[in-house]
C-alpha atoms as a PDB file:
ATOM      1  CA  MET A   1      13.356  54.996 -37.621  1.00  0.00           C
ATOM      2  CA  ASN A   2      10.086  55.456 -39.460  1.00  0.00           C
ATOM      3  CA  LYS A   3       7.109  56.411 -37.262  1.00  0.00           C
ATOM      4  CA  HIS A   4       4.861  53.776 -38.914  1.00  0.00           C
ATOM      5  CA  LEU A   5       7.503  51.042 -38.520  1.00  0.00           C
ATOM      6  CA  LEU A   6       7.998  51.940 -34.846  1.00  0.00           C
ATOM      7  CA  SER A   7       4.249  51.896 -34.105  1.00  0.00           C
ATOM      8  CA  GLY A   8       3.941  48.560 -35.962  1.00  0.00           C
ATOM      9  CA  LEU A   9       6.711  47.022 -33.843  1.00  0.00           C
ATOM     10  CA  VAL A  10       5.059  48.304 -30.670  1.00  0.00           C
ATOM     11  CA  LEU A  11       1.723  46.823 -31.777  1.00  0.00           C
ATOM     12  CA  ILE A  12       3.267  43.426 -32.608  1.00  0.00           C
ATOM     13  CA  SER A  13       5.117  43.383 -29.263  1.00  0.00           C
ATOM     14  CA  ALA A  14       1.905  44.165 -27.388  1.00  0.00           C
ATOM     15  CA  VAL A  15       0.042  41.352 -29.159  1.00  0.00           C
ATOM     16  CA  LEU A  16       2.830  38.871 -28.422  1.00  0.00           C
ATOM     17  CA  ILE A  17       2.989  39.856 -24.743  1.00  0.00           C
ATOM     18  CA  ALA A  18      -0.804  39.652 -24.386  1.00  0.00           C
ATOM     19  CA  GLY A  19      -0.843  36.230 -26.062  1.00  0.00           C
ATOM     20  CA  CYS A  20       1.841  34.898 -23.744  1.00  0.00           C
ATOM     21  CA  THR A  21       0.220  36.157 -20.541  1.00  0.00           C
ATOM     22  CA  ASN A  22      -3.386  35.262 -21.348  1.00  0.00           C
ATOM     23  CA  THR A  23      -3.177  31.660 -20.166  1.00  0.00           C
ATOM     24  CA  GLY A  24      -6.936  31.137 -20.227  1.00  0.00           C
ATOM     25  CA  GLN A  25      -7.021  31.221 -24.014  1.00  0.00           C
ATOM     26  CA  THR A  26      -3.653  29.733 -24.898  1.00  0.00           C
ATOM     27  CA  ALA A  27      -3.426  26.910 -22.348  1.00  0.00           C
ATOM     28  CA  ILE A  28      -3.523  23.323 -23.570  1.00  0.00           C
ATOM     29  CA  GLN A  29      -5.892  21.065 -21.637  1.00  0.00           C
ATOM     30  CA  LEU A  30      -4.423  17.618 -20.890  1.00  0.00           C
ATOM     31  CA  ASP A  31      -6.728  14.827 -19.797  1.00  0.00           C
ATOM     32  CA  GLN A  32      -5.509  13.566 -16.423  1.00  0.00           C
ATOM     33  CA  PRO A  33      -6.512  10.023 -15.498  1.00  0.00           C
ATOM     34  CA  SER A  34      -8.809   9.756 -12.509  1.00  0.00           C
ATOM     35  CA  TYR A  35      -8.448   7.132  -9.806  1.00  0.00           C
ATOM     36  CA  GLU A  36     -10.773   5.620  -7.252  1.00  0.00           C
ATOM     37  CA  ILE A  37      -9.762   4.146  -3.911  1.00  0.00           C
ATOM     38  CA  VAL A  38     -10.519   0.456  -3.431  1.00  0.00           C
ATOM     39  CA  SER A  39     -10.459  -1.161   0.012  1.00  0.00           C
ATOM     40  CA  GLU A  40     -10.614  -4.927   0.519  1.00  0.00           C
ATOM     41  CA  ASN A  41     -10.843  -6.729   3.818  1.00  0.00           C
ATOM     42  CA  ILE A  42      -8.183  -9.430   4.216  1.00  0.00           C
ATOM     43  CA  VAL A  43      -9.282 -10.602   7.658  1.00  0.00           C
ATOM     44  CA  ASN A  44     -11.623  -9.362  10.399  1.00  0.00           C
ATOM     45  CA  ASP A  45     -11.900 -12.165  12.915  1.00  0.00           C
ATOM     46  CA  ASN A  46     -10.909 -13.773  16.182  1.00  0.00           C
ATOM     47  CA  ILE A  47      -8.505 -16.515  15.116  1.00  0.00           C
ATOM     48  CA  VAL A  48      -6.741 -19.311  16.991  1.00  0.00           C
ATOM     49  CA  VAL A  49      -3.132 -20.183  16.198  1.00  0.00           C
ATOM     50  CA  ASP A  50      -1.990 -23.471  17.721  1.00  0.00           C
ATOM     51  CA  GLU A  51       1.382 -23.838  19.435  1.00  0.00           C
ATOM     52  CA  GLY A  52       4.230 -24.330  16.952  1.00  0.00           C
ATOM     53  CA  ASP A  53       1.928 -23.400  14.063  1.00  0.00           C
ATOM     54  CA  MET A  54       0.790 -20.456  11.966  1.00  0.00           C
ATOM     55  CA  LYS A  55      -2.280 -19.196  10.153  1.00  0.00           C
ATOM     56  CA  TYR A  56      -2.043 -17.266   6.899  1.00  0.00           C
ATOM     57  CA  TYR A  57      -4.215 -15.306   4.486  1.00  0.00           C
ATOM     58  CA  GLN A  58      -3.309 -15.019   0.805  1.00  0.00           C
ATOM     59  CA  PHE A  59      -4.187 -11.812  -1.049  1.00  0.00           C
ATOM     60  CA  SER A  60      -3.221 -10.079  -4.295  1.00  0.00           C
ATOM     61  CA  VAL A  61      -2.393  -6.543  -5.365  1.00  0.00           C
ATOM     62  CA  PRO A  62      -3.456  -6.095  -9.017  1.00  0.00           C
ATOM     63  CA  SER A  63      -0.797  -4.884 -11.452  1.00  0.00           C
ATOM     64  CA  SER A  64      -2.848  -1.886 -12.593  1.00  0.00           C
ATOM     65  CA  THR A  65      -2.965  -0.261  -9.145  1.00  0.00           C
ATOM     66  CA  LYS A  66      -1.183   2.650  -7.513  1.00  0.00           C
ATOM     67  CA  TYR A  67      -0.235   3.238  -3.890  1.00  0.00           C
ATOM     68  CA  ALA A  68      -1.171  -0.174  -2.489  1.00  0.00           C
ATOM     69  CA  SER A  69      -0.934  -0.575   1.273  1.00  0.00           C
ATOM     70  CA  VAL A  70      -1.980  -2.946   4.015  1.00  0.00           C
ATOM     71  CA  SER A  71      -3.091  -1.591   7.373  1.00  0.00           C
ATOM     72  CA  GLY A  72      -4.711  -3.011  10.457  1.00  0.00           C
ATOM     73  CA  THR A  73      -4.400  -4.097  14.061  1.00  0.00           C
ATOM     74  CA  PHE A  74      -3.986  -7.243  16.117  1.00  0.00           C
ATOM     75  CA  SER A  75      -4.241  -8.219  19.758  1.00  0.00           C
ATOM     76  CA  ALA A  76      -3.008 -11.587  21.007  1.00  0.00           C
ATOM     77  CA  SER A  77      -3.810 -13.548  24.152  1.00  0.00           C
ATOM     78  CA  GLY A  78      -2.654 -16.885  25.514  1.00  0.00           C
ATOM     79  CA  GLY A  79       0.540 -18.264  26.929  1.00  0.00           C
ATOM     80  CA  SER A  80       2.692 -16.442  29.444  1.00  0.00           C
ATOM     81  CA  MET A  81       3.514 -13.500  27.156  1.00  0.00           C
ATOM     82  CA  ASN A  82       0.236 -13.118  25.186  1.00  0.00           C
ATOM     83  CA  ASP A  83       2.280 -12.660  21.989  1.00  0.00           C
ATOM     84  CA  ILE A  84       2.166 -13.440  18.287  1.00  0.00           C
ATOM     85  CA  ASN A  85       4.454 -12.628  15.347  1.00  0.00           C
ATOM     86  CA  VAL A  86       2.698 -11.053  12.340  1.00  0.00           C
ATOM     87  CA  LEU A  87       4.394 -10.950   8.933  1.00  0.00           C
ATOM     88  CA  ILE A  88       3.636  -9.929   5.347  1.00  0.00           C
ATOM     89  CA  MET A  89       5.675 -11.622   2.601  1.00  0.00           C
ATOM     90  CA  ASP A  90       5.475 -12.092  -1.124  1.00  0.00           C
ATOM     91  CA  GLU A  91       5.006 -15.572  -2.578  1.00  0.00           C
ATOM     92  CA  ALA A  92       8.697 -16.501  -2.999  1.00  0.00           C
ATOM     93  CA  ASN A  93       9.700 -15.296   0.470  1.00  0.00           C
ATOM     94  CA  PHE A  94       6.720 -17.016   2.079  1.00  0.00           C
ATOM     95  CA  ALA A  95       7.853 -20.324   0.526  1.00  0.00           C
ATOM     96  CA  ASP A  96      11.395 -19.734   1.812  1.00  0.00           C
ATOM     97  CA  TRP A  97      10.158 -18.790   5.301  1.00  0.00           C
ATOM     98  CA  ARG A  98       7.954 -21.914   5.526  1.00  0.00           C
ATOM     99  CA  SER A  99      10.966 -24.050   4.578  1.00  0.00           C
ATOM    100  CA  GLY A 100      13.087 -22.473   7.307  1.00  0.00           C
ATOM    101  CA  ARG A 101      15.243 -20.493   4.874  1.00  0.00           C
ATOM    102  CA  ARG A 102      16.068 -16.805   5.136  1.00  0.00           C
ATOM    103  CA  ALA A 103      13.201 -14.621   3.909  1.00  0.00           C
ATOM    104  CA  THR A 104      12.509 -10.921   3.450  1.00  0.00           C
ATOM    105  CA  GLN A 105       9.313  -9.432   4.823  1.00  0.00           C
ATOM    106  CA  PHE A 106       7.388  -6.307   3.864  1.00  0.00           C
ATOM    107  CA  TYR A 107       6.239  -6.220   7.482  1.00  0.00           C
ATOM    108  CA  GLU A 108       7.220  -8.081  10.652  1.00  0.00           C
ATOM    109  CA  SER A 109       5.866  -7.210  14.066  1.00  0.00           C
ATOM    110  CA  GLY A 110       8.186  -9.318  16.169  1.00  0.00           C
ATOM    111  CA  LYS A 111       6.617 -11.101  19.158  1.00  0.00           C
ATOM    112  CA  LEU A 112       4.002  -8.627  20.437  1.00  0.00           C
ATOM    113  CA  SER A 113       0.738  -8.644  22.376  1.00  0.00           C
ATOM    114  CA  THR A 114      -0.779  -5.817  20.328  1.00  0.00           C
ATOM    115  CA  GLY A 115       0.334  -4.052  17.215  1.00  0.00           C
ATOM    116  CA  ILE A 116      -0.467  -1.871  14.243  1.00  0.00           C
ATOM    117  CA  ILE A 117       0.155  -3.351  10.814  1.00  0.00           C
ATOM    118  CA  SER A 118       1.304  -0.984   8.074  1.00  0.00           C
ATOM    119  CA  ALA A 119       3.095  -1.789   4.810  1.00  0.00           C
ATOM    120  CA  SER A 120       3.310  -0.385   1.283  1.00  0.00           C
ATOM    121  CA  LEU A 121       3.257  -3.085  -1.389  1.00  0.00           C
ATOM    122  CA  PRO A 122       3.984  -3.465  -5.103  1.00  0.00           C
ATOM    123  CA  SER A 123       1.726  -5.593  -7.282  1.00  0.00           C
ATOM    124  CA  GLY A 124       1.817  -9.358  -6.738  1.00  0.00           C
ATOM    125  CA  THR A 125       0.653 -12.165  -4.459  1.00  0.00           C
ATOM    126  CA  PHE A 126       1.225 -11.810  -0.718  1.00  0.00           C
ATOM    127  CA  TYR A 127       0.697 -13.668   2.544  1.00  0.00           C
ATOM    128  CA  LEU A 128      -0.417 -12.162   5.833  1.00  0.00           C
ATOM    129  CA  VAL A 129       0.938 -14.590   8.444  1.00  0.00           C
ATOM    130  CA  TYR A 130       0.139 -14.987  12.150  1.00  0.00           C
ATOM    131  CA  SER A 131       3.014 -17.076  13.469  1.00  0.00           C
ATOM    132  CA  ASN A 132       3.084 -18.912  16.762  1.00  0.00           C
ATOM    133  CA  THR A 133       5.936 -21.188  15.638  1.00  0.00           C
ATOM    134  CA  PHE A 134       8.103 -19.969  18.536  1.00  0.00           C
ATOM    135  CA  SER A 135       5.686 -21.329  21.162  1.00  0.00           C
ATOM    136  CA  THR A 136       5.926 -24.990  22.159  1.00  0.00           C
ATOM    137  CA  PHE A 137       3.189 -25.028  24.815  1.00  0.00           C
ATOM    138  CA  ALA A 138       0.524 -22.372  24.269  1.00  0.00           C
ATOM    139  CA  ARG A 139      -1.928 -21.680  21.529  1.00  0.00           C
ATOM    140  CA  LYS A 140      -2.847 -18.037  20.945  1.00  0.00           C
ATOM    141  CA  GLY A 141      -6.083 -16.234  20.317  1.00  0.00           C
ATOM    142  CA  VAL A 142      -5.763 -13.216  18.044  1.00  0.00           C
ATOM    143  CA  LYS A 143      -8.346 -10.514  17.431  1.00  0.00           C
ATOM    144  CA  THR A 144      -7.379  -8.886  14.132  1.00  0.00           C
ATOM    145  CA  GLU A 145      -8.635  -6.660  11.353  1.00  0.00           C
ATOM    146  CA  VAL A 146      -6.499  -6.001   8.277  1.00  0.00           C
ATOM    147  CA  ASN A 147      -7.390  -4.248   5.024  1.00  0.00           C
ATOM    148  CA  LEU A 148      -5.741  -3.799   1.631  1.00  0.00           C
ATOM    149  CA  THR A 149      -6.190  -0.351   0.054  1.00  0.00           C
ATOM    150  CA  TYR A 150      -5.095   0.821  -3.386  1.00  0.00           C
ATOM    151  CA  GLN A 151      -5.975   3.207  -6.194  1.00  0.00           C
ATOM    152  CA  VAL A 152      -7.232   1.985  -9.561  1.00  0.00           C
ATOM    153  CA  GLN A 153      -7.664   4.077 -12.690  1.00  0.00           C
ATOM    154  CA  VAL A 154     -11.271   4.794 -13.661  1.00  0.00           C
ATOM    155  CA  GLN A 155     -11.971   4.205 -17.362  1.00  0.00           C
END
């Protein structure tokens, strides 16, 4: 093989290898969207739920959000068991539940005195429900704080 051809091939190989490993100069910069965290209070109150009744709070998760979740706490008092049932349902399931039909919940505490609320949600309209429908004699006091948190893209 010719000495000049061999040294030319070596030079081309060295340039190609240097170009492939020098990522600082050959990298392509992609613009990544940035997001900010939004937190909205759904309820922060001492509420009263009469016997055989419920109290609910409607809230919405916007369609342009990521990683939406509801979190909070509750503490019930009243009656012999000091309990309340807390649920989170979408609009269709809330209508079914109110009509006594089978419904699916994103969260259901069961009858508890105290609890931690935690649920991941898609976009849509939802209902946070404090149900005392199981009690025929005692109204319940509930101290509760619940927040909706999600990420929204910054323009």
